[in-house]
Amino acid sequence: MKILVTGGAGFIGTNLIKKLIKKGHNVHSLDNYETGLKSNEQMGCAYHRNDITNINTMDRDFDLIFHLAALARIQPSIKNPKETIVNNFNSTLNILECARKYEIPVIYAGSSSKHHGLYGSPYAWSKYGGEELCKLYSEVYGLNTTICRFYN
């Protein structure tokens, strides 16, 4: 399978990419490297240093998208709520629009912060908003989406 991992230079993305390569998949990473590290890059993965807003400039013949990219962490979101909400919500919307157009299933990285209250931080709300977008695109457009919540 040809698989796109957004946020592939981050901690979770790197470990996912290792597993996907080991299983023989053709893996691509889309990351802007704001928090991802070049040192996390894995041999056998094609890395694209770009922002999710530019996903339409890439080949879109993927069989699956893992959408892990986000401005993470609660404290920074409290200091910069607009940046977190706009980035996380709009990046998910961009991924889902591309996936809808090209009929690509999406696995979305939700967040356990939802369980601490949706209004506890802009980060929690933005990740929950992404989950709701996934549900909307599944219901209205029949897009195959899966939500995974990570716990630390």
Protein backbone atom coordinates (compact mmCIF):
# COMPACT_ATOMS: atom_id res chain seq x y z
CA MET A 1 0.00 0.00 0.00
CA LYS A 2 1.03 3.59 -0.59
CA ILE A 3 0.53 5.40 2.71
CA LEU A 4 0.80 9.07 3.71
CA VAL A 5 1.68 9.94 7.30
CA THR A 6 1.17 13.59 8.24
CA GLY A 7 3.45 14.60 11.09
CA GLY A 8 5.80 11.80 10.12
CA ALA A 9 8.88 13.45 11.60
CA GLY A 10 7.35 13.52 15.09
CA PHE A 11 7.58 10.86 17.80
CA ILE A 12 4.42 8.90 16.98
CA GLY A 13 4.82 9.37 13.24
CA THR A 14 8.39 8.08 13.32
CA ASN A 15 7.41 4.92 15.17
CA LEU A 16 4.44 4.33 12.89
CA ILE A 17 6.62 4.79 9.81
CA LYS A 18 9.13 2.24 11.14
CA LYS A 19 6.34 -0.34 11.44
CA LEU A 20 4.85 0.46 8.03
CA ILE A 21 8.22 0.17 6.28
CA LYS A 22 8.91 -3.10 8.07
CA LYS A 23 5.58 -4.42 6.73
CA GLY A 24 6.66 -3.47 3.18
CA HIS A 25 4.48 -0.42 2.55
CA ASN A 26 5.42 2.51 0.31
CA VAL A 27 5.45 5.30 2.92
CA HIS A 28 5.45 9.07 2.49
CA SER A 29 5.62 11.69 5.24
CA LEU A 30 4.25 15.21 5.08
CA ASP A 31 5.69 17.41 7.84
CA ASN A 32 6.53 21.09 8.18
CA TYR A 33 9.24 20.28 10.78
CA GLU A 34 8.04 22.88 13.28
CA THR A 35 8.24 20.20 15.96
CA GLY A 36 9.30 17.16 13.92
CA LEU A 37 13.00 16.36 13.65
CA LYS A 38 15.10 15.56 10.61
CA SER A 39 16.96 13.06 12.80
CA ASN A 40 13.69 11.06 13.04
CA GLU A 41 13.68 10.35 9.31
CA GLN A 42 13.70 6.66 8.42
CA MET A 43 15.41 5.02 5.46
CA GLY A 44 12.75 3.84 3.03
CA CYS A 45 10.29 6.70 3.62
CA ALA A 46 9.86 9.61 1.20
CA TYR A 47 9.81 12.83 3.23
CA HIS A 48 8.01 15.94 1.98
CA ARG A 49 8.84 19.12 3.88
CA ASN A 50 5.65 21.06 3.41
CA ASP A 51 2.55 22.31 5.16
CA ILE A 52 -0.74 20.42 5.07
CA THR A 53 -2.35 23.42 3.41
CA ASN A 54 -0.25 22.47 0.36
CA ILE A 55 -1.39 18.84 0.20
CA ASN A 56 -2.92 19.45 -3.22
CA THR A 57 0.56 20.02 -4.66
CA MET A 58 1.51 16.40 -3.85
CA ASP A 59 0.67 13.18 -5.65
CA ARG A 60 -2.61 12.03 -4.21
CA ASP A 61 -2.65 8.39 -5.23
CA PHE A 62 -2.44 7.16 -1.64
CA ASP A 63 -4.30 4.11 -0.39
CA LEU A 64 -4.45 5.40 3.19
CA ILE A 65 -3.71 8.57 5.18
CA PHE A 66 -2.64 8.61 8.82
CA HIS A 67 -3.32 12.18 9.98
CA LEU A 68 -1.06 12.74 13.00
CA ALA A 69 0.06 16.32 12.36
CA ALA A 70 -1.11 18.98 14.83
CA LEU A 71 0.05 21.77 17.06
CA ALA A 72 0.15 19.67 20.18
CA ARG A 73 0.24 20.30 23.90
CA ILE A 74 -2.17 22.04 26.19
CA GLN A 75 -0.02 24.86 27.65
CA PRO A 76 1.04 26.37 24.30
CA SER A 77 -2.59 26.26 23.15
CA ILE A 78 -3.63 28.34 26.14
CA LYS A 79 -1.02 30.97 25.23
CA ASN A 80 -1.86 30.89 21.50
CA PRO A 81 -5.46 29.69 21.17
CA LYS A 82 -6.14 31.04 17.69
CA GLU A 83 -3.00 29.49 16.21
CA THR A 84 -3.81 26.09 17.71
CA ILE A 85 -7.48 26.07 16.74
CA VAL A 86 -6.95 27.36 13.21
CA ASN A 87 -4.04 25.02 12.53
CA ASN A 88 -5.53 21.85 13.96
CA PHE A 89 -9.07 22.30 12.67
CA ASN A 90 -8.11 23.56 9.20
CA SER A 91 -5.36 20.99 8.68
CA THR A 92 -7.86 18.22 9.40
CA LEU A 93 -10.37 19.83 7.07
CA ASN A 94 -7.72 20.00 4.30
CA ILE A 95 -6.84 16.32 4.76
CA LEU A 96 -10.49 15.26 4.74
CA GLU A 97 -11.26 17.31 1.63
CA CYS A 98 -8.35 15.71 -0.22
CA ALA A 99 -9.35 12.26 1.04
CA ARG A 100 -12.97 12.82 0.00
CA LYS A 101 -12.00 13.97 -3.46
CA TYR A 102 -9.69 11.00 -4.06
CA GLU A 103 -11.58 8.44 -1.92
CA ILE A 104 -8.70 7.79 0.50
CA PRO A 105 -9.47 6.36 3.95
CA VAL A 106 -8.20 8.45 6.88
CA ILE A 107 -6.98 7.39 10.31
CA TYR A 108 -7.12 10.45 12.57
CA ALA A 109 -5.07 10.99 15.73
CA GLY A 110 -7.51 12.21 18.33
CA SER A 111 -6.45 13.09 21.85
CA SER A 112 -7.14 11.81 25.34
CA SER A 113 -7.44 15.47 26.41
CA LYS A 114 -11.11 15.16 25.42
CA HIS A 115 -11.69 13.24 28.65
CA HIS A 116 -10.46 16.19 30.71
CA GLY A 117 -13.17 18.43 29.31
CA LEU A 118 -13.65 19.85 25.83
CA TYR A 119 -13.34 23.37 27.13
CA GLY A 120 -10.27 22.75 29.29
CA SER A 121 -7.97 24.02 26.55
CA PRO A 122 -7.99 25.17 22.93
CA TYR A 123 -5.94 22.04 22.12
CA ALA A 124 -8.59 19.69 23.54
CA TRP A 125 -11.33 21.50 21.65
CA SER A 126 -9.39 21.57 18.37
CA LYS A 127 -8.67 17.83 18.49
CA TYR A 128 -12.28 17.05 19.35
CA GLY A 129 -13.33 19.34 16.48
CA GLY A 130 -11.16 17.20 14.20
CA GLU A 131 -12.95 14.08 15.43
CA GLU A 132 -16.29 15.70 14.67
CA LEU A 133 -15.09 16.61 11.17
CA CYS A 134 -14.15 12.96 10.62
CA LYS A 135 -17.63 11.88 11.71
CA LEU A 136 -19.23 14.49 9.44
CA TYR A 137 -17.23 13.35 6.40
CA SER A 138 -18.09 9.74 7.15
CA GLU A 139 -21.82 10.42 7.48
CA VAL A 140 -22.29 12.93 4.67
CA TYR A 141 -19.72 11.73 2.12
CA GLY A 142 -19.26 8.08 3.05
CA LEU A 143 -15.55 8.66 3.67
CA ASN A 144 -13.92 5.84 5.59
CA THR A 145 -12.46 7.46 8.73
CA THR A 146 -11.13 5.96 11.94
CA ILE A 147 -10.35 7.90 15.11
CA CYS A 148 -7.59 6.79 17.48
CA ARG A 149 -6.98 8.53 20.81
CA PHE A 150 -3.49 8.53 22.22
CA TYR A 151 -2.78 8.58 25.93
CA ASN A 152 0.49 9.52 27.60
